[in-house]
Amino acid sequence: NRANQLAHQLIALGISPDDRVAICVERGPGMIVALLAILKA
C-alpha cells in the first residue's frame, strides 16, 4: 500500500528509527499515509 511504499522510500533516503521527520500536509488521507509511513520507517 501507499504507506509501505513511502516507508521504503524514507528508508532508502537513510531515515533511521531515531530520526525526526517533519511533515507538512493538509489534514486528510495523505496525512494518515505519511504518519503511518514514518512510524514504519
PDB file of N, CA and C in Angstrom:
ATOM      1  N   ASN A   1       0.834  -1.189   0.000  1.00  0.00           N
ATOM      2  CA  ASN A   1       0.000   0.000   0.000  1.00  0.00           C
ATOM      3  C   ASN A   1       0.878   1.253   0.000  1.00  0.00           C
ATOM      4  N   ARG A   2       0.249   2.406  -0.003  1.00  0.00           N
ATOM      5  CA  ARG A   2       0.994   3.667  -0.137  1.00  0.00           C
ATOM      6  C   ARG A   2       1.894   3.940   1.054  1.00  0.00           C
ATOM      7  N   ALA A   3       1.455   3.593   2.253  1.00  0.00           N
ATOM      8  CA  ALA A   3       2.285   3.832   3.438  1.00  0.00           C
ATOM      9  C   ALA A   3       3.559   2.994   3.379  1.00  0.00           C
ATOM     10  N   ASN A   4       3.447   1.754   2.946  1.00  0.00           N
ATOM     11  CA  ASN A   4       4.634   0.897   2.822  1.00  0.00           C
ATOM     12  C   ASN A   4       5.591   1.429   1.756  1.00  0.00           C
ATOM     13  N   GLN A   5       5.046   1.899   0.639  1.00  0.00           N
ATOM     14  CA  GLN A   5       5.890   2.456  -0.416  1.00  0.00           C
ATOM     15  C   GLN A   5       6.656   3.671   0.096  1.00  0.00           C
ATOM     16  N   LEU A   6       5.966   4.555   0.799  1.00  0.00           N
ATOM     17  CA  LEU A   6       6.618   5.749   1.335  1.00  0.00           C
ATOM     18  C   LEU A   6       7.630   5.382   2.409  1.00  0.00           C
ATOM     19  N   ALA A   7       7.323   4.392   3.234  1.00  0.00           N
ATOM     20  CA  ALA A   7       8.265   3.946   4.265  1.00  0.00           C
ATOM     21  C   ALA A   7       9.546   3.421   3.624  1.00  0.00           C
ATOM     22  N   HIS A   8       9.425   2.659   2.552  1.00  0.00           N
ATOM     23  CA  HIS A   8      10.607   2.143   1.861  1.00  0.00           C
ATOM     24  C   HIS A   8      11.421   3.282   1.247  1.00  0.00           C
ATOM     25  N   GLN A   9      10.746   4.301   0.741  1.00  0.00           N
ATOM     26  CA  GLN A   9      11.463   5.457   0.192  1.00  0.00           C
ATOM     27  C   GLN A   9      12.212   6.198   1.294  1.00  0.00           C
ATOM     28  N   LEU A  10      11.589   6.352   2.455  1.00  0.00           N
ATOM     29  CA  LEU A  10      12.253   7.018   3.577  1.00  0.00           C
ATOM     30  C   LEU A  10      13.485   6.238   4.022  1.00  0.00           C
ATOM     31  N   ILE A  11      13.356   4.926   4.094  1.00  0.00           N
ATOM     32  CA  ILE A  11      14.493   4.084   4.488  1.00  0.00           C
ATOM     33  C   ILE A  11      15.606   4.202   3.452  1.00  0.00           C
ATOM     34  N   ALA A  12      15.238   4.244   2.172  1.00  0.00           N
ATOM     35  CA  ALA A  12      16.239   4.385   1.113  1.00  0.00           C
ATOM     36  C   ALA A  12      16.969   5.726   1.207  1.00  0.00           C
ATOM     37  N   LEU A  13      16.292   6.734   1.756  1.00  0.00           N
ATOM     38  CA  LEU A  13      16.919   8.048   1.935  1.00  0.00           C
ATOM     39  C   LEU A  13      17.786   8.109   3.185  1.00  0.00           C
ATOM     40  N   GLY A  14      17.781   7.031   3.966  1.00  0.00           N
ATOM     41  CA  GLY A  14      18.647   6.972   5.137  1.00  0.00           C
ATOM     42  C   GLY A  14      17.968   7.306   6.448  1.00  0.00           C
ATOM     43  N   ILE A  15      16.646   7.319   6.464  1.00  0.00           N
ATOM     44  CA  ILE A  15      15.921   7.586   7.707  1.00  0.00           C
ATOM     45  C   ILE A  15      16.060   6.372   8.617  1.00  0.00           C
ATOM     46  N   SER A  16      16.457   6.619   9.865  1.00  0.00           N
ATOM     47  CA  SER A  16      16.588   5.531  10.836  1.00  0.00           C
ATOM     48  C   SER A  16      15.558   5.733  11.945  1.00  0.00           C
ATOM     49  N   PRO A  17      15.336   4.726  12.792  1.00  0.00           N
ATOM     50  CA  PRO A  17      14.279   4.794  13.805  1.00  0.00           C
ATOM     51  C   PRO A  17      14.353   5.991  14.757  1.00  0.00           C
ATOM     52  N   ASP A  18      15.526   6.530  15.037  1.00  0.00           N
ATOM     53  CA  ASP A  18      15.622   7.646  15.982  1.00  0.00           C
ATOM     54  C   ASP A  18      15.641   9.013  15.308  1.00  0.00           C
ATOM     55  N   ASP A  19      15.481   9.059  13.991  1.00  0.00           N
ATOM     56  CA  ASP A  19      15.488  10.333  13.277  1.00  0.00           C
ATOM     57  C   ASP A  19      14.137  11.031  13.404  1.00  0.00           C
ATOM     58  N   ARG A  20      14.193  12.358  13.367  1.00  0.00           N
ATOM     59  CA  ARG A  20      12.963  13.147  13.350  1.00  0.00           C
ATOM     60  C   ARG A  20      12.611  13.437  11.902  1.00  0.00           C
ATOM     61  N   VAL A  21      11.328  13.311  11.592  1.00  0.00           N
ATOM     62  CA  VAL A  21      10.859  13.557  10.232  1.00  0.00           C
ATOM     63  C   VAL A  21       9.715  14.561  10.310  1.00  0.00           C
ATOM     64  N   ALA A  22       9.852  15.659   9.597  1.00  0.00           N
ATOM     65  CA  ALA A  22       8.801  16.676   9.563  1.00  0.00           C
ATOM     66  C   ALA A  22       7.869  16.399   8.389  1.00  0.00           C
ATOM     67  N   ILE A  23       6.591  16.659   8.608  1.00  0.00           N
ATOM     68  CA  ILE A  23       5.632  16.536   7.512  1.00  0.00           C
ATOM     69  C   ILE A  23       4.838  17.832   7.427  1.00  0.00           C
ATOM     70  N   CYS A  24       4.487  18.212   6.232  1.00  0.00           N
ATOM     71  CA  CYS A  24       3.693  19.417   6.010  1.00  0.00           C
ATOM     72  C   CYS A  24       2.641  19.081   4.955  1.00  0.00           C
ATOM     73  N   VAL A  25       1.519  18.582   5.415  1.00  0.00           N
ATOM     74  CA  VAL A  25       0.422  18.224   4.518  1.00  0.00           C
ATOM     75  C   VAL A  25      -0.884  18.658   5.165  1.00  0.00           C
ATOM     76  N   GLU A  26      -1.899  18.853   4.342  1.00  0.00           N
ATOM     77  CA  GLU A  26      -3.217  19.176   4.872  1.00  0.00           C
ATOM     78  C   GLU A  26      -3.821  17.927   5.503  1.00  0.00           C
ATOM     79  N   ARG A  27      -4.735  18.150   6.422  1.00  0.00           N
ATOM     80  CA  ARG A  27      -5.408  17.011   7.047  1.00  0.00           C
ATOM     81  C   ARG A  27      -6.182  16.231   5.995  1.00  0.00           C
ATOM     82  N   GLY A  28      -6.096  14.927   6.102  1.00  0.00           N
ATOM     83  CA  GLY A  28      -6.789  14.076   5.149  1.00  0.00           C
ATOM     84  C   GLY A  28      -6.064  12.756   5.005  1.00  0.00           C
ATOM     85  N   PRO A  29      -6.418  12.004   3.987  1.00  0.00           N
ATOM     86  CA  PRO A  29      -5.797  10.691   3.789  1.00  0.00           C
ATOM     87  C   PRO A  29      -4.283  10.757   3.619  1.00  0.00           C
ATOM     88  N   GLY A  30      -3.783  11.811   2.981  1.00  0.00           N
ATOM     89  CA  GLY A  30      -2.344  11.943   2.790  1.00  0.00           C
ATOM     90  C   GLY A  30      -1.595  12.052   4.097  1.00  0.00           C
ATOM     91  N   MET A  31      -2.198  12.720   5.071  1.00  0.00           N
ATOM     92  CA  MET A  31      -1.555  12.858   6.378  1.00  0.00           C
ATOM     93  C   MET A  31      -1.474  11.503   7.073  1.00  0.00           C
ATOM     94  N   ILE A  32      -2.519  10.726   6.987  1.00  0.00           N
ATOM     95  CA  ILE A  32      -2.528   9.408   7.620  1.00  0.00           C
ATOM     96  C   ILE A  32      -1.472   8.512   6.979  1.00  0.00           C
ATOM     97  N   VAL A  33      -1.382   8.565   5.648  1.00  0.00           N
ATOM     98  CA  VAL A  33      -0.372   7.771   4.940  1.00  0.00           C
ATOM     99  C   VAL A  33       1.020   8.185   5.388  1.00  0.00           C
ATOM    100  N   ALA A  34       1.263   9.492   5.481  1.00  0.00           N
ATOM    101  CA  ALA A  34       2.581   9.985   5.884  1.00  0.00           C
ATOM    102  C   ALA A  34       2.920   9.552   7.304  1.00  0.00           C
ATOM    103  N   LEU A  35       1.977   9.671   8.221  1.00  0.00           N
ATOM    104  CA  LEU A  35       2.228   9.276   9.608  1.00  0.00           C
ATOM    105  C   LEU A  35       2.522   7.784   9.718  1.00  0.00           C
ATOM    106  N   LEU A  36       1.750   6.969   9.029  1.00  0.00           N
ATOM    107  CA  LEU A  36       1.990   5.524   9.065  1.00  0.00           C
ATOM    108  C   LEU A  36       3.351   5.175   8.471  1.00  0.00           C
ATOM    109  N   ALA A  37       3.703   5.840   7.382  1.00  0.00           N
ATOM    110  CA  ALA A  37       4.995   5.571   6.744  1.00  0.00           C
ATOM    111  C   ALA A  37       6.147   5.932   7.665  1.00  0.00           C
ATOM    112  N   ILE A  38       6.030   7.061   8.353  1.00  0.00           N
ATOM    113  CA  ILE A  38       7.089   7.477   9.275  1.00  0.00           C
ATOM    114  C   ILE A  38       7.213   6.484  10.417  1.00  0.00           C
ATOM    115  N   LEU A  39       6.092   6.025  10.936  1.00  0.00           N
ATOM    116  CA  LEU A  39       6.140   5.044  12.024  1.00  0.00           C
ATOM    117  C   LEU A  39       6.746   3.722  11.557  1.00  0.00           C
ATOM    118  N   LYS A  40       6.466   3.327  10.321  1.00  0.00           N
ATOM    119  CA  LYS A  40       7.001   2.069   9.802  1.00  0.00           C
ATOM    120  C   LYS A  40       8.489   2.163   9.489  1.00  0.00           C
ATOM    121  N   ALA A  41       8.945   3.370   9.114  1.00  0.00           N
ATOM    122  CA  ALA A  41      10.364   3.547   8.793  1.00  0.00           C
ATOM    123  C   ALA A  41      11.147   3.593  10.083  1.00  0.00           C
TER     124      ALA A  41
END
